[in-house]
Amino acid sequence: MVWTWRYEAADGSVLTPQDGAEEFTSQGDAESWIGEEWKRLLEDGVERVVLLEDDAEIYPMSLRAA
């Protein structure tokens, strides 16, 4: 299993990271990473992320405070 994040702009379009998508061996590793990197991603124009396990969507999450 490979865990990744899909990055989305405010209009819902998918953003491709310049240095490629990070890949993780567990959901916990992916969630820890996003917890450390969300501010940088928001500065780069990412408004929402979707956690993926292989190609299956697990859950979406806004990077903005509710």
N, C-alpha and C. Protein backbone atom coordinates (compact mmCIF):
# COMPACT_ATOMS: atom_id res chain seq x y z
N MET A 1 0.83 -1.18 0.00
CA MET A 1 0.00 0.00 0.00
C MET A 1 0.88 1.25 0.00
N VAL A 2 0.45 2.22 -0.77
CA VAL A 2 1.13 3.51 -0.82
C VAL A 2 0.12 4.58 -0.47
N TRP A 3 0.50 5.45 0.44
CA TRP A 3 -0.35 6.57 0.86
C TRP A 3 0.22 7.85 0.27
N THR A 4 -0.64 8.66 -0.32
CA THR A 4 -0.24 9.94 -0.89
C THR A 4 -1.32 10.97 -0.62
N TRP A 5 -0.98 12.23 -0.87
CA TRP A 5 -1.94 13.33 -0.79
C TRP A 5 -2.14 13.89 -2.18
N ARG A 6 -3.39 14.15 -2.53
CA ARG A 6 -3.70 14.88 -3.77
C ARG A 6 -3.93 16.33 -3.34
N TYR A 7 -3.33 17.25 -4.05
CA TYR A 7 -3.44 18.67 -3.72
C TYR A 7 -4.44 19.33 -4.67
N GLU A 8 -5.32 20.17 -4.12
CA GLU A 8 -6.33 20.84 -4.93
C GLU A 8 -6.34 22.34 -4.67
N ALA A 9 -6.61 23.10 -5.72
CA ALA A 9 -6.75 24.55 -5.64
C ALA A 9 -8.17 24.89 -5.17
N ALA A 10 -8.42 26.16 -4.94
CA ALA A 10 -9.74 26.60 -4.47
C ALA A 10 -10.85 26.22 -5.45
N ASP A 11 -10.55 26.18 -6.74
CA ASP A 11 -11.57 25.84 -7.74
C ASP A 11 -11.73 24.32 -7.94
N GLY A 12 -10.98 23.54 -7.15
CA GLY A 12 -11.09 22.08 -7.24
C GLY A 12 -10.12 21.43 -8.22
N SER A 13 -9.37 22.26 -8.95
CA SER A 13 -8.42 21.67 -9.89
C SER A 13 -7.25 21.04 -9.13
N VAL A 14 -6.72 19.97 -9.70
CA VAL A 14 -5.62 19.25 -9.07
C VAL A 14 -4.32 19.97 -9.36
N LEU A 15 -3.52 20.16 -8.30
CA LEU A 15 -2.21 20.79 -8.42
C LEU A 15 -1.14 19.72 -8.35
N THR A 16 -0.16 19.80 -9.23
CA THR A 16 0.93 18.84 -9.25
C THR A 16 2.16 19.48 -8.61
N PRO A 17 2.70 18.88 -7.55
CA PRO A 17 3.89 19.45 -6.92
C PRO A 17 5.08 19.42 -7.86
N GLN A 18 5.91 20.47 -7.79
CA GLN A 18 7.08 20.56 -8.65
C GLN A 18 8.06 19.42 -8.43
N ASP A 19 8.20 19.00 -7.17
CA ASP A 19 9.16 17.95 -6.86
C ASP A 19 8.53 16.57 -6.73
N GLY A 20 7.31 16.42 -7.25
CA GLY A 20 6.62 15.14 -7.20
C GLY A 20 5.88 14.94 -5.89
N ALA A 21 4.98 13.99 -5.88
CA ALA A 21 4.17 13.72 -4.69
C ALA A 21 4.95 12.89 -3.69
N GLU A 22 4.78 13.22 -2.43
CA GLU A 22 5.37 12.42 -1.35
C GLU A 22 4.63 11.09 -1.26
N GLU A 23 5.35 10.02 -1.00
CA GLU A 23 4.73 8.71 -0.81
C GLU A 23 5.07 8.21 0.59
N PHE A 24 4.10 7.57 1.23
CA PHE A 24 4.25 7.12 2.60
C PHE A 24 3.86 5.65 2.70
N THR A 25 4.42 4.96 3.69
CA THR A 25 4.14 3.55 3.86
C THR A 25 2.98 3.31 4.82
N SER A 26 2.51 4.38 5.50
CA SER A 26 1.38 4.21 6.41
C SER A 26 0.54 5.48 6.43
N GLN A 27 -0.70 5.34 6.85
CA GLN A 27 -1.59 6.48 6.98
C GLN A 27 -1.05 7.45 8.04
N GLY A 28 -0.54 6.92 9.14
CA GLY A 28 0.01 7.76 10.20
C GLY A 28 1.17 8.62 9.73
N ASP A 29 2.05 8.05 8.90
CA ASP A 29 3.17 8.82 8.36
C ASP A 29 2.67 9.94 7.46
N ALA A 30 1.67 9.64 6.64
CA ALA A 30 1.11 10.66 5.75
C ALA A 30 0.46 11.78 6.55
N GLU A 31 -0.28 11.42 7.60
CA GLU A 31 -0.95 12.43 8.41
C GLU A 31 0.04 13.26 9.22
N SER A 32 1.10 12.66 9.70
CA SER A 32 2.14 13.41 10.41
C SER A 32 2.80 14.41 9.48
N TRP A 33 3.09 13.98 8.26
CA TRP A 33 3.73 14.85 7.29
C TRP A 33 2.86 16.06 6.96
N ILE A 34 1.56 15.83 6.72
CA ILE A 34 0.67 16.94 6.37
C ILE A 34 0.55 17.90 7.54
N GLY A 35 0.62 17.38 8.77
CA GLY A 35 0.58 18.21 9.95
C GLY A 35 1.77 19.16 10.05
N GLU A 36 2.88 18.75 9.46
CA GLU A 36 4.09 19.58 9.46
C GLU A 36 4.16 20.51 8.25
N GLU A 37 3.54 20.13 7.15
CA GLU A 37 3.72 20.84 5.88
C GLU A 37 2.53 21.68 5.43
N TRP A 38 1.41 21.65 6.12
CA TRP A 38 0.18 22.28 5.62
C TRP A 38 0.33 23.78 5.40
N LYS A 39 1.08 24.48 6.24
CA LYS A 39 1.23 25.93 6.06
C LYS A 39 1.99 26.25 4.78
N ARG A 40 3.03 25.50 4.51
CA ARG A 40 3.80 25.71 3.27
C ARG A 40 2.94 25.42 2.06
N LEU A 41 2.15 24.35 2.12
CA LEU A 41 1.27 24.01 1.01
C LEU A 41 0.23 25.10 0.78
N LEU A 42 -0.32 25.64 1.85
CA LEU A 42 -1.29 26.72 1.74
C LEU A 42 -0.66 27.94 1.09
N GLU A 43 0.56 28.27 1.46
CA GLU A 43 1.28 29.38 0.84
C GLU A 43 1.52 29.14 -0.65
N ASP A 44 1.63 27.88 -1.03
CA ASP A 44 1.87 27.51 -2.44
C ASP A 44 0.58 27.41 -3.25
N GLY A 45 -0.57 27.74 -2.63
CA GLY A 45 -1.83 27.75 -3.36
C GLY A 45 -2.70 26.53 -3.19
N VAL A 46 -2.28 25.58 -2.35
CA VAL A 46 -3.11 24.39 -2.08
C VAL A 46 -4.17 24.77 -1.04
N GLU A 47 -5.42 24.54 -1.37
CA GLU A 47 -6.52 24.86 -0.46
C GLU A 47 -7.09 23.62 0.23
N ARG A 48 -6.95 22.50 -0.43
CA ARG A 48 -7.55 21.26 0.07
C ARG A 48 -6.65 20.10 -0.33
N VAL A 49 -6.64 19.07 0.52
CA VAL A 49 -5.89 17.85 0.21
C VAL A 49 -6.84 16.66 0.35
N VAL A 50 -6.52 15.60 -0.36
CA VAL A 50 -7.28 14.36 -0.27
C VAL A 50 -6.28 13.25 -0.01
N LEU A 51 -6.50 12.50 1.07
CA LEU A 51 -5.63 11.36 1.36
C LEU A 51 -6.04 10.19 0.48
N LEU A 52 -5.03 9.59 -0.16
CA LEU A 52 -5.26 8.45 -1.04
C LEU A 52 -4.48 7.24 -0.54
N GLU A 53 -5.14 6.09 -0.56
CA GLU A 53 -4.47 4.82 -0.33
C GLU A 53 -4.47 4.11 -1.67
N ASP A 54 -3.29 3.99 -2.26
CA ASP A 54 -3.17 3.60 -3.66
C ASP A 54 -4.03 4.58 -4.47
N ASP A 55 -5.09 4.16 -5.11
CA ASP A 55 -5.94 5.08 -5.87
C ASP A 55 -7.27 5.38 -5.18
N ALA A 56 -7.50 4.80 -4.00
CA ALA A 56 -8.77 4.98 -3.29
C ALA A 56 -8.73 6.24 -2.42
N GLU A 57 -9.76 7.09 -2.56
CA GLU A 57 -9.86 8.28 -1.72
C GLU A 57 -10.28 7.88 -0.31
N ILE A 58 -9.51 8.31 0.69
CA ILE A 58 -9.82 8.00 2.08
C ILE A 58 -10.63 9.14 2.70
N TYR A 59 -10.10 10.37 2.61
CA TYR A 59 -10.87 11.53 3.08
C TYR A 59 -10.27 12.83 2.54
N PRO A 60 -11.12 13.85 2.35
CA PRO A 60 -10.64 15.18 1.97
C PRO A 60 -10.44 16.03 3.23
N MET A 61 -9.63 17.08 3.10
CA MET A 61 -9.42 17.98 4.23
C MET A 61 -9.03 19.35 3.71
N SER A 62 -9.72 20.38 4.20
CA SER A 62 -9.36 21.75 3.88
C SER A 62 -8.12 22.14 4.68
N LEU A 63 -7.27 22.98 4.11
CA LEU A 63 -6.11 23.48 4.84
C LEU A 63 -6.44 24.79 5.56
N ARG A 64 -7.62 25.31 5.35
CA ARG A 64 -8.07 26.55 6.00
C ARG A 64 -8.82 26.20 7.28
N ALA A 65 -8.73 27.08 8.26
CA ALA A 65 -9.47 26.89 9.51
C ALA A 65 -10.96 26.98 9.24
N ALA A 66 -11.74 26.20 9.97
CA ALA A 66 -13.20 26.17 9.77
C ALA A 66 -13.85 27.45 10.24
